[in-house]
Amino acid sequence: MKETIVDRVIAAIADKDVDAFVACYTEDATIEDGHDHVIARGHDELRERYQPMFEQYPDIEIRTGWRTTVGDFVVEEETVSGRGPEEERHVAVYLIRDGKIARERLVG
């Protein structure tokens, strides 16, 4: 089930477990914003970006809202807290390939 890998990545963020987080992505995965800007590409960049974030924001939490699956995509509303005084809200679009996240686009 495609939603399972998205649940695993959110759990890894909650646990601040960078190894479990990176393991949810394909070797060549990208995380992008809604304007085609690549935030991280591949396991090394994922680790370089998210390990310091987990350390800097120990209270980071992602709460999910609605979710739908369409073909190879899982799309869900997410609210992020613990990275500042205001909650952040975005829509995440996950492309799932071979049971892992191949691309994640954060719009919002």
PDB file of N, CA and C in Angstrom:
ATOM      1  N   MET A   1       0.839  -1.174   0.000  1.00  0.00           N
ATOM      2  CA  MET A   1       0.000   0.000   0.000  1.00  0.00           C
ATOM      3  C   MET A   1       0.896   1.253   0.000  1.00  0.00           C
ATOM      4  N   LYS A   2       0.668   2.156  -0.911  1.00  0.00           N
ATOM      5  CA  LYS A   2       1.523   3.328  -1.086  1.00  0.00           C
ATOM      6  C   LYS A   2       1.523   4.252   0.138  1.00  0.00           C
ATOM      7  N   GLU A   3       0.419   4.321   0.853  1.00  0.00           N
ATOM      8  CA  GLU A   3       0.334   5.204   2.011  1.00  0.00           C
ATOM      9  C   GLU A   3       1.285   4.786   3.123  1.00  0.00           C
ATOM     10  N   THR A   4       1.639   3.516   3.192  1.00  0.00           N
ATOM     11  CA  THR A   4       2.485   3.006   4.265  1.00  0.00           C
ATOM     12  C   THR A   4       3.841   3.705   4.301  1.00  0.00           C
ATOM     13  N   ILE A   5       4.466   3.933   3.150  1.00  0.00           N
ATOM     14  CA  ILE A   5       5.775   4.573   3.131  1.00  0.00           C
ATOM     15  C   ILE A   5       5.662   6.028   3.585  1.00  0.00           C
ATOM     16  N   VAL A   6       4.572   6.691   3.282  1.00  0.00           N
ATOM     17  CA  VAL A   6       4.372   8.063   3.748  1.00  0.00           C
ATOM     18  C   VAL A   6       4.201   8.063   5.262  1.00  0.00           C
ATOM     19  N   ASP A   7       3.464   7.110   5.802  1.00  0.00           N
ATOM     20  CA  ASP A   7       3.332   6.983   7.256  1.00  0.00           C
ATOM     21  C   ASP A   7       4.698   6.753   7.897  1.00  0.00           C
ATOM     22  N   ARG A   8       5.541   5.943   7.249  1.00  0.00           N
ATOM     23  CA  ARG A   8       6.877   5.658   7.790  1.00  0.00           C
ATOM     24  C   ARG A   8       7.757   6.899   7.805  1.00  0.00           C
ATOM     25  N   VAL A   9       7.690   7.722   6.755  1.00  0.00           N
ATOM     26  CA  VAL A   9       8.525   8.930   6.730  1.00  0.00           C
ATOM     27  C   VAL A   9       8.061   9.918   7.803  1.00  0.00           C
ATOM     28  N   ILE A  10       6.776  10.030   8.024  1.00  0.00           N
ATOM     29  CA  ILE A  10       6.264  10.927   9.069  1.00  0.00           C
ATOM     30  C   ILE A  10       6.652  10.408  10.451  1.00  0.00           C
ATOM     31  N   ALA A  11       6.625   9.094  10.639  1.00  0.00           N
ATOM     32  CA  ALA A  11       7.064   8.508  11.904  1.00  0.00           C
ATOM     33  C   ALA A  11       8.550   8.753  12.137  1.00  0.00           C
ATOM     34  N   ALA A  12       9.354   8.651  11.077  1.00  0.00           N
ATOM     35  CA  ALA A  12      10.799   8.896  11.205  1.00  0.00           C
ATOM     36  C   ALA A  12      11.063  10.341  11.609  1.00  0.00           C
ATOM     37  N   ILE A  13      10.276  11.280  11.082  1.00  0.00           N
ATOM     38  CA  ILE A  13      10.419  12.683  11.482  1.00  0.00           C
ATOM     39  C   ILE A  13      10.045  12.839  12.953  1.00  0.00           C
ATOM     40  N   ALA A  14       8.960  12.213  13.374  1.00  0.00           N
ATOM     41  CA  ALA A  14       8.538  12.280  14.775  1.00  0.00           C
ATOM     42  C   ALA A  14       9.610  11.712  15.701  1.00  0.00           C
ATOM     43  N   ASP A  15      10.284  10.660  15.251  1.00  0.00           N
ATOM     44  CA  ASP A  15      11.329  10.005  16.051  1.00  0.00           C
ATOM     45  C   ASP A  15      12.689  10.676  15.905  1.00  0.00           C
ATOM     46  N   LYS A  16      12.808  11.652  14.983  1.00  0.00           N
ATOM     47  CA  LYS A  16      14.081  12.316  14.674  1.00  0.00           C
ATOM     48  C   LYS A  16      15.139  11.290  14.272  1.00  0.00           C
ATOM     49  N   ASP A  17      14.713  10.292  13.508  1.00  0.00           N
ATOM     50  CA  ASP A  17      15.575   9.186  13.079  1.00  0.00           C
ATOM     51  C   ASP A  17      15.958   9.386  11.619  1.00  0.00           C
ATOM     52  N   VAL A  18      17.100  10.004  11.386  1.00  0.00           N
ATOM     53  CA  VAL A  18      17.499  10.341  10.022  1.00  0.00           C
ATOM     54  C   VAL A  18      17.735   9.094   9.177  1.00  0.00           C
ATOM     55  N   ASP A  19      18.226   8.013   9.773  1.00  0.00           N
ATOM     56  CA  ASP A  19      18.440   6.783   9.004  1.00  0.00           C
ATOM     57  C   ASP A  19      17.115   6.201   8.512  1.00  0.00           C
ATOM     58  N   ALA A  20      16.121   6.158   9.392  1.00  0.00           N
ATOM     59  CA  ALA A  20      14.800   5.666   8.994  1.00  0.00           C
ATOM     60  C   ALA A  20      14.170   6.597   7.972  1.00  0.00           C
ATOM     61  N   PHE A  21      14.386   7.897   8.132  1.00  0.00           N
ATOM     62  CA  PHE A  21      13.865   8.895   7.196  1.00  0.00           C
ATOM     63  C   PHE A  21      14.448   8.663   5.803  1.00  0.00           C
ATOM     64  N   VAL A  22      15.763   8.617   5.698  1.00  0.00           N
ATOM     65  CA  VAL A  22      16.435   8.446   4.408  1.00  0.00           C
ATOM     66  C   VAL A  22      16.047   7.117   3.767  1.00  0.00           C
ATOM     67  N   ALA A  23      15.860   6.080   4.556  1.00  0.00           N
ATOM     68  CA  ALA A  23      15.509   4.757   4.035  1.00  0.00           C
ATOM     69  C   ALA A  23      14.148   4.744   3.343  1.00  0.00           C
ATOM     70  N   CYS A  24      13.324   5.746   3.570  1.00  0.00           N
ATOM     71  CA  CYS A  24      12.011   5.829   2.930  1.00  0.00           C
ATOM     72  C   CYS A  24      12.090   6.317   1.486  1.00  0.00           C
ATOM     73  N   TYR A  25      13.248   6.804   1.066  1.00  0.00           N
ATOM     74  CA  TYR A  25      13.420   7.423  -0.249  1.00  0.00           C
ATOM     75  C   TYR A  25      14.297   6.561  -1.151  1.00  0.00           C
ATOM     76  N   THR A  26      14.045   6.646  -2.461  1.00  0.00           N
ATOM     77  CA  THR A  26      14.918   5.984  -3.427  1.00  0.00           C
ATOM     78  C   THR A  26      16.274   6.689  -3.422  1.00  0.00           C
ATOM     79  N   GLU A  27      17.298   6.028  -3.920  1.00  0.00           N
ATOM     80  CA  GLU A  27      18.660   6.586  -3.947  1.00  0.00           C
ATOM     81  C   GLU A  27      18.715   7.936  -4.668  1.00  0.00           C
ATOM     82  N   ASP A  28      17.894   8.103  -5.708  1.00  0.00           N
ATOM     83  CA  ASP A  28      17.925   9.328  -6.516  1.00  0.00           C
ATOM     84  C   ASP A  28      16.737  10.249  -6.234  1.00  0.00           C
ATOM     85  N   ALA A  29      16.094  10.086  -5.101  1.00  0.00           N
ATOM     86  CA  ALA A  29      14.895  10.855  -4.763  1.00  0.00           C
ATOM     87  C   ALA A  29      15.182  12.348  -4.703  1.00  0.00           C
ATOM     88  N   THR A  30      14.148  13.130  -4.975  1.00  0.00           N
ATOM     89  CA  THR A  30      14.234  14.579  -4.798  1.00  0.00           C
ATOM     90  C   THR A  30      13.093  15.050  -3.916  1.00  0.00           C
ATOM     91  N   ILE A  31      13.396  16.095  -3.146  1.00  0.00           N
ATOM     92  CA  ILE A  31      12.367  16.850  -2.436  1.00  0.00           C
ATOM     93  C   ILE A  31      12.417  18.240  -3.040  1.00  0.00           C
ATOM     94  N   GLU A  32      11.248  18.713  -3.475  1.00  0.00           N
ATOM     95  CA  GLU A  32      11.150  19.988  -4.194  1.00  0.00           C
ATOM     96  C   GLU A  32      10.078  20.851  -3.549  1.00  0.00           C
ATOM     97  N   ASP A  33      10.186  22.163  -3.784  1.00  0.00           N
ATOM     98  CA  ASP A  33       9.093  23.036  -3.376  1.00  0.00           C
ATOM     99  C   ASP A  33       8.117  23.164  -4.547  1.00  0.00           C
ATOM    100  N   GLY A  34       7.099  23.957  -4.383  1.00  0.00           N
ATOM    101  CA  GLY A  34       6.071  24.088  -5.412  1.00  0.00           C
ATOM    102  C   GLY A  34       6.487  24.891  -6.631  1.00  0.00           C
ATOM    103  N   HIS A  35       7.710  25.413  -6.613  1.00  0.00           N
ATOM    104  CA  HIS A  35       8.206  26.218  -7.727  1.00  0.00           C
ATOM    105  C   HIS A  35       9.373  25.538  -8.437  1.00  0.00           C
ATOM    106  N   ASP A  36       9.430  24.213  -8.361  1.00  0.00           N
ATOM    107  CA  ASP A  36      10.453  23.402  -9.025  1.00  0.00           C
ATOM    108  C   ASP A  36      11.859  23.586  -8.453  1.00  0.00           C
ATOM    109  N   HIS A  37      11.992  24.174  -7.290  1.00  0.00           N
ATOM    110  CA  HIS A  37      13.295  24.311  -6.644  1.00  0.00           C
ATOM    111  C   HIS A  37      13.600  23.021  -5.884  1.00  0.00           C
ATOM    112  N   VAL A  38      14.712  22.380  -6.214  1.00  0.00           N
ATOM    113  CA  VAL A  38      15.098  21.137  -5.540  1.00  0.00           C
ATOM    114  C   VAL A  38      15.707  21.487  -4.189  1.00  0.00           C
ATOM    115  N   ILE A  39      15.115  20.976  -3.143  1.00  0.00           N
ATOM    116  CA  ILE A  39      15.572  21.188  -1.768  1.00  0.00           C
ATOM    117  C   ILE A  39      16.669  20.185  -1.430  1.00  0.00           C
ATOM    118  N   ALA A  40      16.497  18.953  -1.875  1.00  0.00           N
ATOM    119  CA  ALA A  40      17.489  17.899  -1.627  1.00  0.00           C
ATOM    120  C   ALA A  40      17.350  16.845  -2.708  1.00  0.00           C
ATOM    121  N   ARG A  41      18.496  16.284  -3.109  1.00  0.00           N
ATOM    122  CA  ARG A  41      18.516  15.228  -4.126  1.00  0.00           C
ATOM    123  C   ARG A  41      19.424  14.098  -3.641  1.00  0.00           C
ATOM    124  N   GLY A  42      18.872  12.909  -3.553  1.00  0.00           N
ATOM    125  CA  GLY A  42      19.655  11.742  -3.169  1.00  0.00           C
ATOM    126  C   GLY A  42      19.850  11.621  -1.663  1.00  0.00           C
ATOM    127  N   HIS A  43      20.283  10.450  -1.253  1.00  0.00           N
ATOM    128  CA  HIS A  43      20.417  10.142   0.173  1.00  0.00           C
ATOM    129  C   HIS A  43      21.380  11.073   0.904  1.00  0.00           C
ATOM    130  N   ASP A  44      22.515  11.398   0.297  1.00  0.00           N
ATOM    131  CA  ASP A  44      23.487  12.254   0.989  1.00  0.00           C
ATOM    132  C   ASP A  44      22.905  13.627   1.291  1.00  0.00           C
ATOM    133  N   GLU A  45      22.257  14.239   0.322  1.00  0.00           N
ATOM    134  CA  GLU A  45      21.671  15.565   0.541  1.00  0.00           C
ATOM    135  C   GLU A  45      20.493  15.510   1.512  1.00  0.00           C
ATOM    136  N   LEU A  46      19.710  14.430   1.445  1.00  0.00           N
ATOM    137  CA  LEU A  46      18.614  14.278   2.414  1.00  0.00           C
ATOM    138  C   LEU A  46      19.177  14.257   3.829  1.00  0.00           C
ATOM    139  N   ARG A  47      20.211  13.471   4.036  1.00  0.00           N
ATOM    140  CA  ARG A  47      20.833  13.359   5.357  1.00  0.00           C
ATOM    141  C   ARG A  47      21.430  14.712   5.784  1.00  0.00           C
ATOM    142  N   GLU A  48      22.132  15.391   4.876  1.00  0.00           N
ATOM    143  CA  GLU A  48      22.763  16.679   5.193  1.00  0.00           C
ATOM    144  C   GLU A  48      21.737  17.742   5.570  1.00  0.00           C
ATOM    145  N   ARG A  49      20.581  17.693   4.956  1.00  0.00           N
ATOM    146  CA  ARG A  49      19.558  18.710   5.238  1.00  0.00           C
ATOM    147  C   ARG A  49      18.748  18.375   6.490  1.00  0.00           C
ATOM    148  N   TYR A  50      18.377  17.121   6.651  1.00  0.00           N
ATOM    149  CA  TYR A  50      17.415  16.776   7.697  1.00  0.00           C
ATOM    150  C   TYR A  50      18.040  16.445   9.041  1.00  0.00           C
ATOM    151  N   GLN A  51      19.262  15.921   9.095  1.00  0.00           N
ATOM    152  CA  GLN A  51      19.885  15.654  10.397  1.00  0.00           C
ATOM    153  C   GLN A  51      20.006  16.934  11.223  1.00  0.00           C
ATOM    154  N   PRO A  52      20.553  18.030  10.656  1.00  0.00           N
ATOM    155  CA  PRO A  52      20.614  19.262  11.444  1.00  0.00           C
ATOM    156  C   PRO A  52      19.230  19.806  11.826  1.00  0.00           C
ATOM    157  N   MET A  53      18.249  19.622  10.938  1.00  0.00           N
ATOM    158  CA  MET A  53      16.902  20.084  11.246  1.00  0.00           C
ATOM    159  C   MET A  53      16.333  19.317  12.436  1.00  0.00           C
ATOM    160  N   PHE A  54      16.546  18.008  12.471  1.00  0.00           N
ATOM    161  CA  PHE A  54      16.062  17.209  13.599  1.00  0.00           C
ATOM    162  C   PHE A  54      16.722  17.666  14.900  1.00  0.00           C
ATOM    163  N   GLU A  55      17.991  18.027  14.832  1.00  0.00           N
ATOM    164  CA  GLU A  55      18.702  18.491  16.031  1.00  0.00           C
ATOM    165  C   GLU A  55      18.250  19.888  16.442  1.00  0.00           C
ATOM    166  N   GLN A  56      18.039  20.758  15.472  1.00  0.00           N
ATOM    167  CA  GLN A  56      17.658  22.139  15.766  1.00  0.00           C
ATOM    168  C   GLN A  56      16.219  22.252  16.253  1.00  0.00           C
ATOM    169  N   TYR A  57      15.350  21.387  15.761  1.00  0.00           N
ATOM    170  CA  TYR A  57      13.928  21.454  16.099  1.00  0.00           C
ATOM    171  C   TYR A  57      13.458  20.131  16.722  1.00  0.00           C
ATOM    172  N   PRO A  58      13.821  19.877  17.965  1.00  0.00           N
ATOM    173  CA  PRO A  58      13.456  18.592  18.580  1.00  0.00           C
ATOM    174  C   PRO A  58      11.956  18.402  18.772  1.00  0.00           C
ATOM    175  N   ASP A  59      11.193  19.495  18.694  1.00  0.00           N
ATOM    176  CA  ASP A  59       9.742  19.394  18.880  1.00  0.00           C
ATOM    177  C   ASP A  59       8.972  19.378  17.567  1.00  0.00           C
ATOM    178  N   ILE A  60       9.679  19.229  16.448  1.00  0.00           N
ATOM    179  CA  ILE A  60       8.998  19.234  15.157  1.00  0.00           C
ATOM    180  C   ILE A  60       7.967  18.109  15.104  1.00  0.00           C
ATOM    181  N   GLU A  61       6.821  18.430  14.564  1.00  0.00           N
ATOM    182  CA  GLU A  61       5.734  17.449  14.447  1.00  0.00           C
ATOM    183  C   GLU A  61       4.983  17.716  13.150  1.00  0.00           C
ATOM    184  N   ILE A  62       4.583  16.648  12.492  1.00  0.00           N
ATOM    185  CA  ILE A  62       3.754  16.765  11.299  1.00  0.00           C
ATOM    186  C   ILE A  62       2.425  16.078  11.576  1.00  0.00           C
ATOM    187  N   ARG A  63       1.363  16.843  11.412  1.00  0.00           N
ATOM    188  CA  ARG A  63       0.009  16.286  11.531  1.00  0.00           C
ATOM    189  C   ARG A  63      -0.584  16.238  10.131  1.00  0.00           C
ATOM    190  N   THR A  64      -1.183  15.129   9.813  1.00  0.00           N
ATOM    191  CA  THR A  64      -1.757  14.977   8.483  1.00  0.00           C
ATOM    192  C   THR A  64      -3.246  15.292   8.518  1.00  0.00           C
ATOM    193  N   GLY A  65      -3.698  15.875   7.408  1.00  0.00           N
ATOM    194  CA  GLY A  65      -5.116  16.149   7.220  1.00  0.00           C
ATOM    195  C   GLY A  65      -5.667  15.128   6.239  1.00  0.00           C
ATOM    196  N   TRP A  66      -6.299  15.616   5.202  1.00  0.00           N
ATOM    197  CA  TRP A  66      -6.865  14.717   4.204  1.00  0.00           C
ATOM    198  C   TRP A  66      -5.742  14.054   3.412  1.00  0.00           C
ATOM    199  N   ARG A  67      -6.063  12.917   2.849  1.00  0.00           N
ATOM    200  CA  ARG A  67      -5.098  12.164   2.034  1.00  0.00           C
ATOM    201  C   ARG A  67      -5.843  11.447   0.928  1.00  0.00           C
ATOM    202  N   THR A  68      -5.230  11.402  -0.244  1.00  0.00           N
ATOM    203  CA  THR A  68      -5.783  10.633  -1.349  1.00  0.00           C
ATOM    204  C   THR A  68      -4.641   9.973  -2.105  1.00  0.00           C
ATOM    205  N   THR A  69      -4.942   8.876  -2.735  1.00  0.00           N
ATOM    206  CA  THR A  69      -3.977   8.167  -3.575  1.00  0.00           C
ATOM    207  C   THR A  69      -4.525   8.129  -4.988  1.00  0.00           C
ATOM    208  N   VAL A  70      -3.683   8.538  -5.945  1.00  0.00           N
ATOM    209  CA  VAL A  70      -4.059   8.537  -7.352  1.00  0.00           C
ATOM    210  C   VAL A  70      -2.898   7.919  -8.113  1.00  0.00           C
ATOM    211  N   GLY A  71      -3.094   6.714  -8.623  1.00  0.00           N
ATOM    212  CA  GLY A  71      -2.011   6.037  -9.334  1.00  0.00           C
ATOM    213  C   GLY A  71      -0.800   5.859  -8.439  1.00  0.00           C
ATOM    214  N   ASP A  72       0.350   6.374  -8.881  1.00  0.00           N
ATOM    215  CA  ASP A  72       1.590   6.246  -8.124  1.00  0.00           C
ATOM    216  C   ASP A  72       1.796   7.372  -7.117  1.00  0.00           C
ATOM    217  N   PHE A  73       0.788   8.233  -6.940  1.00  0.00           N
ATOM    218  CA  PHE A  73       0.941   9.405  -6.088  1.00  0.00           C
ATOM    219  C   PHE A  73       0.099   9.307  -4.827  1.00  0.00           C
ATOM    220  N   VAL A  74       0.680   9.777  -3.727  1.00  0.00           N
ATOM    221  CA  VAL A  74      -0.047  10.004  -2.486  1.00  0.00           C
ATOM    222  C   VAL A  74       0.002  11.506  -2.266  1.00  0.00           C
ATOM    223  N   VAL A  75      -1.162  12.111  -2.064  1.00  0.00           N
ATOM    224  CA  VAL A  75      -1.267  13.552  -1.869  1.00  0.00           C
ATOM    225  C   VAL A  75      -1.951  13.771  -0.527  1.00  0.00           C
ATOM    226  N   GLU A  76      -1.337  14.643   0.308  1.00  0.00           N
ATOM    227  CA  GLU A  76      -1.959  14.889   1.604  1.00  0.00           C
ATOM    228  C   GLU A  76      -1.670  16.298   2.095  1.00  0.00           C
ATOM    229  N   GLU A  77      -2.580  16.775   2.915  1.00  0.00           N
ATOM    230  CA  GLU A  77      -2.401  18.049   3.600  1.00  0.00           C
ATOM    231  C   GLU A  77      -1.604  17.772   4.870  1.00  0.00           C
ATOM    232  N   GLU A  78      -0.606  18.615   5.136  1.00  0.00           N
ATOM    233  CA  GLU A  78       0.220  18.446   6.328  1.00  0.00           C
ATOM    234  C   GLU A  78       0.359  19.776   7.051  1.00  0.00           C
ATOM    235  N   THR A  79       0.342  19.711   8.380  1.00  0.00           N
ATOM    236  CA  THR A  79       0.591  20.870   9.221  1.00  0.00           C
ATOM    237  C   THR A  79       1.841  20.574  10.034  1.00  0.00           C
ATOM    238  N   VAL A  80       2.820  21.478   9.946  1.00  0.00           N
ATOM    239  CA  VAL A  80       4.096  21.305  10.627  1.00  0.00           C
ATOM    240  C   VAL A  80       4.153  22.288  11.789  1.00  0.00           C
ATOM    241  N   SER A  81       4.473  21.781  12.963  1.00  0.00           N
ATOM    242  CA  SER A  81       4.680  22.650  14.124  1.00  0.00           C
ATOM    243  C   SER A  81       6.049  22.330  14.718  1.00  0.00           C
ATOM    244  N   GLY A  82       6.523  23.237  15.558  1.00  0.00           N
ATOM    245  CA  GLY A  82       7.795  23.011  16.235  1.00  0.00           C
ATOM    246  C   GLY A  82       9.004  23.584  15.523  1.00  0.00           C
ATOM    247  N   ARG A  83       8.785  24.332  14.418  1.00  0.00           N
ATOM    248  CA  ARG A  83       9.910  24.963  13.714  1.00  0.00           C
ATOM    249  C   ARG A  83       9.878  26.481  13.853  1.00  0.00           C
ATOM    250  N   GLY A  84       9.032  26.968  14.692  1.00  0.00           N
ATOM    251  CA  GLY A  84       8.908  28.407  14.890  1.00  0.00           C
ATOM    252  C   GLY A  84       7.602  28.701  15.595  1.00  0.00           C
ATOM    253  N   PRO A  85       7.299  29.975  15.776  1.00  0.00           N
ATOM    254  CA  PRO A  85       6.096  30.322  16.527  1.00  0.00           C
ATOM    255  C   PRO A  85       4.796  30.016  15.790  1.00  0.00           C
ATOM    256  N   GLU A  86       4.856  29.956  14.480  1.00  0.00           N
ATOM    257  CA  GLU A  86       3.658  29.711  13.670  1.00  0.00           C
ATOM    258  C   GLU A  86       3.677  28.300  13.083  1.00  0.00           C
ATOM    259  N   GLU A  87       2.512  27.691  13.002  1.00  0.00           N
ATOM    260  CA  GLU A  87       2.406  26.432  12.277  1.00  0.00           C
ATOM    261  C   GLU A  87       2.528  26.703  10.784  1.00  0.00           C
ATOM    262  N   GLU A  88       3.065  25.728  10.072  1.00  0.00           N
ATOM    263  CA  GLU A  88       3.171  25.816   8.619  1.00  0.00           C
ATOM    264  C   GLU A  88       2.232  24.775   8.029  1.00  0.00           C
ATOM    265  N   ARG A  89       1.553  25.146   6.982  1.00  0.00           N
ATOM    266  CA  ARG A  89       0.630  24.215   6.326  1.00  0.00           C
ATOM    267  C   ARG A  89       1.010  24.110   4.861  1.00  0.00           C
ATOM    268  N   HIS A  90       1.022  22.885   4.362  1.00  0.00           N
ATOM    269  CA  HIS A  90       1.316  22.665   2.947  1.00  0.00           C
ATOM    270  C   HIS A  90       0.617  21.402   2.466  1.00  0.00           C
ATOM    271  N   VAL A  91       0.657  21.219   1.171  1.00  0.00           N
ATOM    272  CA  VAL A  91       0.209  19.971   0.562  1.00  0.00           C
ATOM    273  C   VAL A  91       1.459  19.259   0.079  1.00  0.00           C
ATOM    274  N   ALA A  92       1.573  17.998   0.413  1.00  0.00           N
ATOM    275  CA  ALA A  92       2.708  17.188  -0.016  1.00  0.00           C
ATOM    276  C   ALA A  92       2.227  16.212  -1.085  1.00  0.00           C
ATOM    277  N   VAL A  93       2.978  16.152  -2.165  1.00  0.00           N
ATOM    278  CA  VAL A  93       2.689  15.219  -3.256  1.00  0.00           C
ATOM    279  C   VAL A  93       3.868  14.257  -3.330  1.00  0.00           C
ATOM    280  N   TYR A  94       3.613  12.999  -3.036  1.00  0.00           N
ATOM    281  CA  TYR A  94       4.642  11.964  -3.012  1.00  0.00           C
ATOM    282  C   TYR A  94       4.479  11.060  -4.230  1.00  0.00           C
ATOM    283  N   LEU A  95       5.536  10.885  -4.987  1.00  0.00           N
ATOM    284  CA  LEU A  95       5.566   9.905  -6.068  1.00  0.00           C
ATOM    285  C   LEU A  95       6.219   8.649  -5.505  1.00  0.00           C
ATOM    286  N   ILE A  96       5.493   7.540  -5.546  1.00  0.00           N
ATOM    287  CA  ILE A  96       5.977   6.283  -4.976  1.00  0.00           C
ATOM    288  C   ILE A  96       6.444   5.372  -6.101  1.00  0.00           C
ATOM    289  N   ARG A  97       7.679   4.876  -5.951  1.00  0.00           N
ATOM    290  CA  ARG A  97       8.241   3.945  -6.931  1.00  0.00           C
ATOM    291  C   ARG A  97       8.897   2.794  -6.177  1.00  0.00           C
ATOM    292  N   ASP A  98       8.500   1.575  -6.495  1.00  0.00           N
ATOM    293  CA  ASP A  98       9.062   0.382  -5.858  1.00  0.00           C
ATOM    294  C   ASP A  98       8.999   0.459  -4.333  1.00  0.00           C
ATOM    295  N   GLY A  99       7.901   0.990  -3.809  1.00  0.00           N
ATOM    296  CA  GLY A  99       7.674   1.015  -2.371  1.00  0.00           C
ATOM    297  C   GLY A  99       8.399   2.115  -1.622  1.00  0.00           C
ATOM    298  N   LYS A 100       9.059   3.023  -2.346  1.00  0.00           N
ATOM    299  CA  LYS A 100       9.769   4.133  -1.705  1.00  0.00           C
ATOM    300  C   LYS A 100       9.356   5.448  -2.356  1.00  0.00           C
ATOM    301  N   ILE A 101       9.702   6.542  -1.697  1.00  0.00           N
ATOM    302  CA  ILE A 101       9.387   7.859  -2.227  1.00  0.00           C
ATOM    303  C   ILE A 101      10.469   8.250  -3.234  1.00  0.00           C
ATOM    304  N   ALA A 102      10.054   8.485  -4.477  1.00  0.00           N
ATOM    305  CA  ALA A 102      10.989   8.883  -5.530  1.00  0.00           C
ATOM    306  C   ALA A 102      11.033  10.401  -5.673  1.00  0.00           C
ATOM    307  N   ARG A 103       9.920  11.060  -5.392  1.00  0.00           N
ATOM    308  CA  ARG A 103       9.869  12.520  -5.436  1.00  0.00           C
ATOM    309  C   ARG A 103       8.828  13.000  -4.447  1.00  0.00           C
ATOM    310  N   GLU A 104       9.171  14.057  -3.771  1.00  0.00           N
ATOM    311  CA  GLU A 104       8.246  14.708  -2.850  1.00  0.00           C
ATOM    312  C   GLU A 104       8.205  16.180  -3.217  1.00  0.00           C
ATOM    313  N   ARG A 105       7.022  16.685  -3.439  1.00  0.00           N
ATOM    314  CA  ARG A 105       6.857  18.111  -3.759  1.00  0.00           C
ATOM    315  C   ARG A 105       5.999  18.723  -2.663  1.00  0.00           C
ATOM    316  N   LEU A 106       6.503  19.804  -2.062  1.00  0.00           N
ATOM    317  CA  LEU A 106       5.817  20.507  -0.974  1.00  0.00           C
ATOM    318  C   LEU A 106       5.282  21.816  -1.532  1.00  0.00           C
ATOM    319  N   VAL A 107       3.963  21.950  -1.531  1.00  0.00           N
ATOM    320  CA  VAL A 107       3.304  23.115  -2.111  1.00  0.00           C
ATOM    321  C   VAL A 107       2.602  23.868  -0.976  1.00  0.00           C
ATOM    322  N   GLY A 108       2.984  25.115  -0.822  1.00  0.00           N
ATOM    323  CA  GLY A 108       2.305  25.905   0.200  1.00  0.00           C
ATOM    324  C   GLY A 108       3.206  26.907   0.844  1.00  0.00           C
TER     325      GLY A 108
END
